[in-house]
């Protein structure tokens, strides 16, 4: 599946100047740091319980979620910014 980044630059990038938004993006980036991280895993569980998406397997859902979110973050340069101390480890150990 091709990442759907659309028109994220104009709407998301200005928010990087706001501490609360920067912290939120940082937390999202931390959760989607790898294909097997908390964020993609949780998306896979959620969509899997809802009956899947486009007949995708849980592994396909997980990888797609990772790639979609990373593409979105890269589209407005949110990746690579410092992850807040509170975001590190948030949600770890929540995988089933």
PDB file of N, CA and C in Angstrom:
ATOM      1  N   UNK A   1       0.846  -1.173   0.000  1.00  0.00           N
ATOM      2  CA  UNK A   1       0.000   0.000   0.000  1.00  0.00           C
ATOM      3  C   UNK A   1       0.895   1.240   0.000  1.00  0.00           C
ATOM      4  N   UNK A   2       0.599   2.198  -0.822  1.00  0.00           N
ATOM      5  CA  UNK A   2       1.377   3.418  -0.940  1.00  0.00           C
ATOM      6  C   UNK A   2       1.014   4.383   0.185  1.00  0.00           C
ATOM      7  N   UNK A   3       2.035   4.974   0.857  1.00  0.00           N
ATOM      8  CA  UNK A   3       1.736   5.940   1.911  1.00  0.00           C
ATOM      9  C   UNK A   3       0.901   7.087   1.378  1.00  0.00           C
ATOM     10  N   UNK A   4      -0.093   7.464   2.167  1.00  0.00           N
ATOM     11  CA  UNK A   4      -0.992   8.553   1.795  1.00  0.00           C
ATOM     12  C   UNK A   4      -0.607   9.799   2.577  1.00  0.00           C
ATOM     13  N   UNK A   5       0.408  10.502   2.106  1.00  0.00           N
ATOM     14  CA  UNK A   5       0.862  11.683   2.834  1.00  0.00           C
ATOM     15  C   UNK A   5       0.046  12.909   2.501  1.00  0.00           C
ATOM     16  N   UNK A   6      -0.516  12.967   1.312  1.00  0.00           N
ATOM     17  CA  UNK A   6      -1.400  14.067   0.941  1.00  0.00           C
ATOM     18  C   UNK A   6      -0.801  15.432   1.175  1.00  0.00           C
ATOM     19  N   UNK A   7      -1.574  16.321   1.721  1.00  0.00           N
ATOM     20  CA  UNK A   7      -1.193  17.709   1.916  1.00  0.00           C
ATOM     21  C   UNK A   7      -0.871  17.971   3.381  1.00  0.00           C
ATOM     22  N   UNK A   8       0.065  17.210   3.959  1.00  0.00           N
ATOM     23  CA  UNK A   8       0.362  17.351   5.379  1.00  0.00           C
ATOM     24  C   UNK A   8       1.280  18.527   5.682  1.00  0.00           C
ATOM     25  N   UNK A   9       2.123  18.920   4.754  1.00  0.00           N
ATOM     26  CA  UNK A   9       3.081  19.983   5.036  1.00  0.00           C
ATOM     27  C   UNK A   9       2.431  21.279   5.507  1.00  0.00           C
ATOM     28  N   UNK A  10       1.509  21.840   4.759  1.00  0.00           N
ATOM     29  CA  UNK A  10       0.960  23.126   5.184  1.00  0.00           C
ATOM     30  C   UNK A  10       0.201  23.063   6.506  1.00  0.00           C
ATOM     31  N   UNK A  11      -0.502  21.978   6.769  1.00  0.00           N
ATOM     32  CA  UNK A  11      -1.347  21.947   7.957  1.00  0.00           C
ATOM     33  C   UNK A  11      -0.629  21.504   9.221  1.00  0.00           C
ATOM     34  N   UNK A  12       0.377  20.666   9.131  1.00  0.00           N
ATOM     35  CA  UNK A  12       1.040  20.131  10.324  1.00  0.00           C
ATOM     36  C   UNK A  12       2.327  20.851  10.691  1.00  0.00           C
ATOM     37  N   UNK A  13       3.087  21.241   9.716  1.00  0.00           N
ATOM     38  CA  UNK A  13       4.400  21.830   9.994  1.00  0.00           C
ATOM     39  C   UNK A  13       4.344  23.051  10.914  1.00  0.00           C
ATOM     40  N   UNK A  14       3.415  24.006  10.742  1.00  0.00           N
ATOM     41  CA  UNK A  14       3.399  25.168  11.636  1.00  0.00           C
ATOM     42  C   UNK A  14       3.208  24.790  13.110  1.00  0.00           C
ATOM     43  N   UNK A  15       2.568  23.674  13.346  1.00  0.00           N
ATOM     44  CA  UNK A  15       2.339  23.254  14.729  1.00  0.00           C
ATOM     45  C   UNK A  15       3.619  22.824  15.435  1.00  0.00           C
ATOM     46  N   UNK A  16       4.685  22.547  14.684  1.00  0.00           N
ATOM     47  CA  UNK A  16       5.946  22.155  15.306  1.00  0.00           C
ATOM     48  C   UNK A  16       6.526  23.267  16.167  1.00  0.00           C
ATOM     49  N   UNK A  17       6.037  24.486  15.985  1.00  0.00           N
ATOM     50  CA  UNK A  17       6.473  25.601  16.826  1.00  0.00           C
ATOM     51  C   UNK A  17       5.771  25.608  18.177  1.00  0.00           C
ATOM     52  N   UNK A  18       4.712  24.823  18.309  1.00  0.00           N
ATOM     53  CA  UNK A  18       3.944  24.768  19.554  1.00  0.00           C
ATOM     54  C   UNK A  18       4.458  23.607  20.415  1.00  0.00           C
ATOM     55  N   UNK A  19       4.850  23.877  21.654  1.00  0.00           N
ATOM     56  CA  UNK A  19       5.402  22.811  22.503  1.00  0.00           C
ATOM     57  C   UNK A  19       4.469  21.612  22.674  1.00  0.00           C
ATOM     58  N   UNK A  20       3.184  21.842  22.847  1.00  0.00           N
ATOM     59  CA  UNK A  20       2.247  20.730  23.048  1.00  0.00           C
ATOM     60  C   UNK A  20       2.161  19.864  21.799  1.00  0.00           C
ATOM     61  N   UNK A  21       2.100  20.482  20.628  1.00  0.00           N
ATOM     62  CA  UNK A  21       2.042  19.717  19.378  1.00  0.00           C
ATOM     63  C   UNK A  21       3.353  18.981  19.150  1.00  0.00           C
ATOM     64  N   UNK A  22       4.469  19.651  19.383  1.00  0.00           N
ATOM     65  CA  UNK A  22       5.781  19.025  19.217  1.00  0.00           C
ATOM     66  C   UNK A  22       5.898  17.801  20.118  1.00  0.00           C
ATOM     67  N   UNK A  23       5.418  17.911  21.343  1.00  0.00           N
ATOM     68  CA  UNK A  23       5.444  16.782  22.269  1.00  0.00           C
ATOM     69  C   UNK A  23       4.544  15.653  21.761  1.00  0.00           C
ATOM     70  N   UNK A  24       3.378  16.006  21.244  1.00  0.00           N
ATOM     71  CA  UNK A  24       2.473  14.984  20.708  1.00  0.00           C
ATOM     72  C   UNK A  24       3.074  14.246  19.532  1.00  0.00           C
ATOM     73  N   UNK A  25       3.665  14.991  18.587  1.00  0.00           N
ATOM     74  CA  UNK A  25       4.315  14.355  17.436  1.00  0.00           C
ATOM     75  C   UNK A  25       5.474  13.483  17.896  1.00  0.00           C
ATOM     76  N   UNK A  26       6.180  13.953  18.889  1.00  0.00           N
ATOM     77  CA  UNK A  26       7.307  13.207  19.435  1.00  0.00           C
ATOM     78  C   UNK A  26       6.838  11.882  20.039  1.00  0.00           C
ATOM     79  N   UNK A  27       5.728  11.922  20.723  1.00  0.00           N
ATOM     80  CA  UNK A  27       5.163  10.693  21.309  1.00  0.00           C
ATOM     81  C   UNK A  27       4.714   9.724  20.222  1.00  0.00           C
ATOM     82  N   UNK A  28       4.099  10.257  19.172  1.00  0.00           N
ATOM     83  CA  UNK A  28       3.685   9.397  18.057  1.00  0.00           C
ATOM     84  C   UNK A  28       4.913   8.765  17.415  1.00  0.00           C
ATOM     85  N   UNK A  29       5.934   9.570  17.153  1.00  0.00           N
ATOM     86  CA  UNK A  29       7.166   9.055  16.546  1.00  0.00           C
ATOM     87  C   UNK A  29       7.789   7.966  17.418  1.00  0.00           C
ATOM     88  N   UNK A  30       7.750   8.150  18.732  1.00  0.00           N
ATOM     89  CA  UNK A  30       8.317   7.152  19.633  1.00  0.00           C
ATOM     90  C   UNK A  30       7.548   5.838  19.563  1.00  0.00           C
ATOM     91  N   UNK A  31       6.258   5.914  19.419  1.00  0.00           N
ATOM     92  CA  UNK A  31       5.423   4.704  19.360  1.00  0.00           C
ATOM     93  C   UNK A  31       5.557   3.971  18.025  1.00  0.00           C
ATOM     94  N   UNK A  32       5.959   4.696  16.972  1.00  0.00           N
ATOM     95  CA  UNK A  32       6.079   4.116  15.636  1.00  0.00           C
ATOM     96  C   UNK A  32       7.535   4.095  15.176  1.00  0.00           C
ATOM     97  N   UNK A  33       8.450   3.836  16.099  1.00  0.00           N
ATOM     98  CA  UNK A  33       9.870   3.836  15.788  1.00  0.00           C
ATOM     99  C   UNK A  33      10.354   2.608  15.039  1.00  0.00           C
ATOM    100  N   UNK A  34       9.566   1.551  15.018  1.00  0.00           N
ATOM    101  CA  UNK A  34       9.934   0.309  14.321  1.00  0.00           C
ATOM    102  C   UNK A  34       8.653  -0.412  13.930  1.00  0.00           C
ATOM    103  N   UNK A  35       8.780  -1.329  12.978  1.00  0.00           N
ATOM    104  CA  UNK A  35       7.599  -2.068  12.517  1.00  0.00           C
ATOM    105  C   UNK A  35       6.951  -2.892  13.623  1.00  0.00           C
ATOM    106  N   UNK A  36       7.736  -3.320  14.609  1.00  0.00           N
ATOM    107  CA  UNK A  36       7.181  -4.135  15.688  1.00  0.00           C
ATOM    108  C   UNK A  36       6.986  -3.339  16.977  1.00  0.00           C
ATOM    109  N   UNK A  37       6.988  -2.020  16.874  1.00  0.00           N
ATOM    110  CA  UNK A  37       6.825  -1.157  18.043  1.00  0.00           C
ATOM    111  C   UNK A  37       5.362  -1.131  18.513  1.00  0.00           C
ATOM    112  N   UNK A  38       5.140  -0.473  19.629  1.00  0.00           N
ATOM    113  CA  UNK A  38       3.826  -0.394  20.257  1.00  0.00           C
ATOM    114  C   UNK A  38       2.746   0.150  19.318  1.00  0.00           C
ATOM    115  N   UNK A  39       3.037   1.236  18.587  1.00  0.00           N
ATOM    116  CA  UNK A  39       2.035   1.855  17.726  1.00  0.00           C
ATOM    117  C   UNK A  39       1.529   0.939  16.620  1.00  0.00           C
ATOM    118  N   UNK A  40       2.425   0.410  15.771  1.00  0.00           N
ATOM    119  CA  UNK A  40       1.962  -0.483  14.716  1.00  0.00           C
ATOM    120  C   UNK A  40       1.284  -1.743  15.265  1.00  0.00           C
ATOM    121  N   UNK A  41       1.798  -2.244  16.362  1.00  0.00           N
ATOM    122  CA  UNK A  41       1.202  -3.438  16.975  1.00  0.00           C
ATOM    123  C   UNK A  41      -0.234  -3.155  17.418  1.00  0.00           C
ATOM    124  N   UNK A  42      -0.434  -2.011  18.053  1.00  0.00           N
ATOM    125  CA  UNK A  42      -1.754  -1.639  18.539  1.00  0.00           C
ATOM    126  C   UNK A  42      -2.735  -1.410  17.389  1.00  0.00           C
ATOM    127  N   UNK A  43      -2.278  -0.768  16.322  1.00  0.00           N
ATOM    128  CA  UNK A  43      -3.126  -0.566  15.149  1.00  0.00           C
ATOM    129  C   UNK A  43      -3.535  -1.914  14.570  1.00  0.00           C
ATOM    130  N   UNK A  44      -2.581  -2.834  14.489  1.00  0.00           N
ATOM    131  CA  UNK A  44      -2.862  -4.165  13.960  1.00  0.00           C
ATOM    132  C   UNK A  44      -3.912  -4.884  14.803  1.00  0.00           C
ATOM    133  N   UNK A  45      -3.787  -4.794  16.119  1.00  0.00           N
ATOM    134  CA  UNK A  45      -4.782  -5.419  16.998  1.00  0.00           C
ATOM    135  C   UNK A  45      -6.150  -4.776  16.816  1.00  0.00           C
ATOM    136  N   UNK A  46      -6.180  -3.457  16.798  1.00  0.00           N
ATOM    137  CA  UNK A  46      -7.437  -2.732  16.670  1.00  0.00           C
ATOM    138  C   UNK A  46      -8.146  -3.072  15.360  1.00  0.00           C
ATOM    139  N   UNK A  47      -7.419  -2.981  14.257  1.00  0.00           N
ATOM    140  CA  UNK A  47      -8.037  -3.262  12.964  1.00  0.00           C
ATOM    141  C   UNK A  47      -8.350  -4.741  12.798  1.00  0.00           C
ATOM    142  N   UNK A  48      -7.506  -5.586  13.359  1.00  0.00           N
ATOM    143  CA  UNK A  48      -7.750  -7.020  13.289  1.00  0.00           C
ATOM    144  C   UNK A  48      -9.028  -7.404  14.010  1.00  0.00           C
ATOM    145  N   UNK A  49      -9.264  -6.795  15.166  1.00  0.00           N
ATOM    146  CA  UNK A  49     -10.484  -7.075  15.927  1.00  0.00           C
ATOM    147  C   UNK A  49     -11.717  -6.537  15.207  1.00  0.00           C
ATOM    148  N   UNK A  50     -11.518  -5.526  14.379  1.00  0.00           N
ATOM    149  CA  UNK A  50     -12.631  -4.932  13.634  1.00  0.00           C
ATOM    150  C   UNK A  50     -12.893  -5.678  12.322  1.00  0.00           C
ATOM    151  N   UNK A  51     -12.162  -6.755  12.104  1.00  0.00           N
ATOM    152  CA  UNK A  51     -12.368  -7.536  10.895  1.00  0.00           C
ATOM    153  C   UNK A  51     -11.363  -7.273   9.798  1.00  0.00           C
ATOM    154  N   UNK A  52     -10.304  -6.558  10.133  1.00  0.00           N
ATOM    155  CA  UNK A  52      -9.253  -6.316   9.143  1.00  0.00           C
ATOM    156  C   UNK A  52      -9.541  -5.139   8.252  1.00  0.00           C
ATOM    157  N   UNK A  53      -8.657  -4.947   7.315  1.00  0.00           N
ATOM    158  CA  UNK A  53      -8.749  -3.833   6.401  1.00  0.00           C
ATOM    159  C   UNK A  53      -8.238  -4.302   5.052  1.00  0.00           C
ATOM    160  N   UNK A  54      -9.087  -4.285   4.049  1.00  0.00           N
ATOM    161  CA  UNK A  54      -8.702  -4.724   2.700  1.00  0.00           C
ATOM    162  C   UNK A  54      -8.119  -6.130   2.703  1.00  0.00           C
ATOM    163  N   UNK A  55      -8.648  -7.007   3.528  1.00  0.00           N
ATOM    164  CA  UNK A  55      -8.185  -8.390   3.604  1.00  0.00           C
ATOM    165  C   UNK A  55      -6.694  -8.506   3.914  1.00  0.00           C
ATOM    166  N   UNK A  56      -6.184  -7.594   4.704  1.00  0.00           N
ATOM    167  CA  UNK A  56      -4.773  -7.624   5.075  1.00  0.00           C
ATOM    168  C   UNK A  56      -4.589  -8.483   6.322  1.00  0.00           C
ATOM    169  N   UNK A  57      -3.480  -9.198   6.379  1.00  0.00           N
ATOM    170  CA  UNK A  57      -3.142  -9.999   7.558  1.00  0.00           C
ATOM    171  C   UNK A  57      -2.706  -9.065   8.685  1.00  0.00           C
ATOM    172  N   UNK A  58      -2.676  -9.553   9.929  1.00  0.00           N
ATOM    173  CA  UNK A  58      -2.186  -8.712  11.027  1.00  0.00           C
ATOM    174  C   UNK A  58      -0.773  -8.182  10.773  1.00  0.00           C
ATOM    175  N   UNK A  59       0.098  -9.007  10.207  1.00  0.00           N
ATOM    176  CA  UNK A  59       1.457  -8.540   9.909  1.00  0.00           C
ATOM    177  C   UNK A  59       1.441  -7.443   8.848  1.00  0.00           C
ATOM    178  N   UNK A  60       0.606  -7.588   7.845  1.00  0.00           N
ATOM    179  CA  UNK A  60       0.500  -6.554   6.808  1.00  0.00           C
ATOM    180  C   UNK A  60      -0.058  -5.258   7.386  1.00  0.00           C
ATOM    181  N   UNK A  61      -1.033  -5.367   8.277  1.00  0.00           N
ATOM    182  CA  UNK A  61      -1.601  -4.186   8.929  1.00  0.00           C
ATOM    183  C   UNK A  61      -0.531  -3.465   9.756  1.00  0.00           C
ATOM    184  N   UNK A  62       0.256  -4.241  10.482  1.00  0.00           N
ATOM    185  CA  UNK A  62       1.305  -3.681  11.331  1.00  0.00           C
ATOM    186  C   UNK A  62       2.334  -2.923  10.494  1.00  0.00           C
ATOM    187  N   UNK A  63       2.815  -3.553   9.426  1.00  0.00           N
ATOM    188  CA  UNK A  63       3.813  -2.923   8.566  1.00  0.00           C
ATOM    189  C   UNK A  63       3.224  -1.697   7.877  1.00  0.00           C
ATOM    190  N   UNK A  64       1.987  -1.797   7.408  1.00  0.00           N
ATOM    191  CA  UNK A  64       1.348  -0.664   6.749  1.00  0.00           C
ATOM    192  C   UNK A  64       1.179   0.502   7.720  1.00  0.00           C
ATOM    193  N   UNK A  65       0.759   0.217   8.932  1.00  0.00           N
ATOM    194  CA  UNK A  65       0.595   1.284   9.924  1.00  0.00           C
ATOM    195  C   UNK A  65       1.929   1.984  10.172  1.00  0.00           C
ATOM    196  N   UNK A  66       2.975   1.210  10.329  1.00  0.00           N
ATOM    197  CA  UNK A  66       4.311   1.782  10.538  1.00  0.00           C
ATOM    198  C   UNK A  66       4.688   2.695   9.373  1.00  0.00           C
ATOM    199  N   UNK A  67       4.548   2.197   8.158  1.00  0.00           N
ATOM    200  CA  UNK A  67       4.955   2.964   6.979  1.00  0.00           C
ATOM    201  C   UNK A  67       4.104   4.216   6.781  1.00  0.00           C
ATOM    202  N   UNK A  68       2.810   4.107   7.023  1.00  0.00           N
ATOM    203  CA  UNK A  68       1.914   5.265   6.861  1.00  0.00           C
ATOM    204  C   UNK A  68       2.277   6.380   7.844  1.00  0.00           C
ATOM    205  N   UNK A  69       2.463   6.014   9.102  1.00  0.00           N
ATOM    206  CA  UNK A  69       2.760   7.028  10.119  1.00  0.00           C
ATOM    207  C   UNK A  69       4.146   7.614   9.901  1.00  0.00           C
ATOM    208  N   UNK A  70       5.122   6.784   9.557  1.00  0.00           N
ATOM    209  CA  UNK A  70       6.469   7.310   9.314  1.00  0.00           C
ATOM    210  C   UNK A  70       6.471   8.259   8.113  1.00  0.00           C
ATOM    211  N   UNK A  71       5.732   7.924   7.069  1.00  0.00           N
ATOM    212  CA  UNK A  71       5.648   8.803   5.896  1.00  0.00           C
ATOM    213  C   UNK A  71       5.005  10.134   6.275  1.00  0.00           C
ATOM    214  N   UNK A  72       3.968  10.070   7.101  1.00  0.00           N
ATOM    215  CA  UNK A  72       3.296  11.288   7.565  1.00  0.00           C
ATOM    216  C   UNK A  72       4.257  12.154   8.378  1.00  0.00           C
ATOM    217  N   UNK A  73       5.000  11.544   9.292  1.00  0.00           N
ATOM    218  CA  UNK A  73       5.956  12.294  10.107  1.00  0.00           C
ATOM    219  C   UNK A  73       7.077  12.880   9.251  1.00  0.00           C
ATOM    220  N   UNK A  74       7.566  12.109   8.299  1.00  0.00           N
ATOM    221  CA  UNK A  74       8.635  12.586   7.416  1.00  0.00           C
ATOM    222  C   UNK A  74       8.157  13.733   6.528  1.00  0.00           C
ATOM    223  N   UNK A  75       6.878  13.725   6.162  1.00  0.00           N
ATOM    224  CA  UNK A  75       6.338  14.747   5.257  1.00  0.00           C
ATOM    225  C   UNK A  75       6.455  16.145   5.834  1.00  0.00           C
ATOM    226  N   UNK A  76       6.460  16.272   7.140  1.00  0.00           N
ATOM    227  CA  UNK A  76       6.611  17.611   7.717  1.00  0.00           C
ATOM    228  C   UNK A  76       7.767  17.675   8.706  1.00  0.00           C
ATOM    229  N   UNK A  77       8.749  16.804   8.491  1.00  0.00           N
ATOM    230  CA  UNK A  77      10.018  16.839   9.219  1.00  0.00           C
ATOM    231  C   UNK A  77       9.870  16.703  10.732  1.00  0.00           C
ATOM    232  N   UNK A  78       8.898  15.927  11.184  1.00  0.00           N
ATOM    233  CA  UNK A  78       8.738  15.730  12.625  1.00  0.00           C
ATOM    234  C   UNK A  78       9.696  14.674  13.158  1.00  0.00           C
ATOM    235  N   UNK A  79      10.202  13.803  12.294  1.00  0.00           N
ATOM    236  CA  UNK A  79      11.139  12.764  12.715  1.00  0.00           C
ATOM    237  C   UNK A  79      12.503  13.393  12.931  1.00  0.00           C
ATOM    238  N   UNK A  80      13.163  12.915  13.953  1.00  0.00           N
ATOM    239  CA  UNK A  80      14.501  13.404  14.227  1.00  0.00           C
ATOM    240  C   UNK A  80      14.524  14.502  15.273  1.00  0.00           C
ATOM    241  N   UNK A  81      13.363  15.026  15.599  1.00  0.00           N
ATOM    242  CA  UNK A  81      13.305  16.015  16.675  1.00  0.00           C
ATOM    243  C   UNK A  81      13.405  15.276  18.000  1.00  0.00           C
ATOM    244  N   UNK A  82      13.864  15.961  18.996  1.00  0.00           N
ATOM    245  CA  UNK A  82      14.080  15.316  20.287  1.00  0.00           C
ATOM    246  C   UNK A  82      12.780  14.757  20.846  1.00  0.00           C
ATOM    247  N   UNK A  83      12.824  13.501  21.290  1.00  0.00           N
ATOM    248  CA  UNK A  83      11.664  12.869  21.911  1.00  0.00           C
ATOM    249  C   UNK A  83      11.634  13.307  23.365  1.00  0.00           C
ATOM    250  N   UNK A  84      10.481  13.756  23.825  1.00  0.00           N
ATOM    251  CA  UNK A  84      10.384  14.222  25.198  1.00  0.00           C
ATOM    252  C   UNK A  84      10.634  13.083  26.174  1.00  0.00           C
ATOM    253  N   UNK A  85      11.110  13.403  27.321  1.00  0.00           N
ATOM    254  CA  UNK A  85      11.404  12.407  28.355  1.00  0.00           C
ATOM    255  C   UNK A  85      10.161  11.604  28.703  1.00  0.00           C
ATOM    256  N   UNK A  86       8.998  12.243  28.750  1.00  0.00           N
ATOM    257  CA  UNK A  86       7.760  11.553  29.089  1.00  0.00           C
ATOM    258  C   UNK A  86       7.347  10.551  28.025  1.00  0.00           C
ATOM    259  N   UNK A  87       7.695  10.806  26.766  1.00  0.00           N
ATOM    260  CA  UNK A  87       7.279   9.917  25.686  1.00  0.00           C
ATOM    261  C   UNK A  87       8.080   8.628  25.659  1.00  0.00           C
ATOM    262  N   UNK A  88       9.313   8.668  26.152  1.00  0.00           N
ATOM    263  CA  UNK A  88      10.142   7.475  26.128  1.00  0.00           C
ATOM    264  C   UNK A  88       9.554   6.416  27.044  1.00  0.00           C
ATOM    265  N   UNK A  89       9.315   5.254  26.485  1.00  0.00           N
ATOM    266  CA  UNK A  89       8.821   4.138  27.283  1.00  0.00           C
ATOM    267  C   UNK A  89       7.328   4.165  27.529  1.00  0.00           C
ATOM    268  N   UNK A  90       6.657   5.217  27.116  1.00  0.00           N
ATOM    269  CA  UNK A  90       5.213   5.304  27.323  1.00  0.00           C
ATOM    270  C   UNK A  90       4.528   4.191  26.544  1.00  0.00           C
ATOM    271  N   UNK A  91       3.795   3.334  27.227  1.00  0.00           N
ATOM    272  CA  UNK A  91       3.083   2.260  26.575  1.00  0.00           C
ATOM    273  C   UNK A  91       3.887   0.989  26.399  1.00  0.00           C
ATOM    274  N   UNK A  92       5.160   0.986  26.800  1.00  0.00           N
ATOM    275  CA  UNK A  92       5.948  -0.232  26.647  1.00  0.00           C
ATOM    276  C   UNK A  92       5.357  -1.328  27.527  1.00  0.00           C
ATOM    277  N   UNK A  93       5.473  -2.519  27.044  1.00  0.00           N
ATOM    278  CA  UNK A  93       4.952  -3.657  27.794  1.00  0.00           C
ATOM    279  C   UNK A  93       3.464  -3.845  27.626  1.00  0.00           C
ATOM    280  N   UNK A  94       2.854  -3.105  26.732  1.00  0.00           N
ATOM    281  CA  UNK A  94       1.411  -3.204  26.543  1.00  0.00           C
ATOM    282  C   UNK A  94       1.044  -4.177  25.428  1.00  0.00           C
ATOM    283  N   UNK A  95       2.036  -4.766  24.782  1.00  0.00           N
ATOM    284  CA  UNK A  95       1.739  -5.727  23.726  1.00  0.00           C
ATOM    285  C   UNK A  95       1.193  -6.995  24.331  1.00  0.00           C
ATOM    286  N   UNK A  96       0.323  -7.638  23.557  1.00  0.00           N
ATOM    287  CA  UNK A  96      -0.201  -8.902  24.057  1.00  0.00           C
ATOM    288  C   UNK A  96       0.573 -10.044  23.474  1.00  0.00           C
TER     289      UNK A  96
END
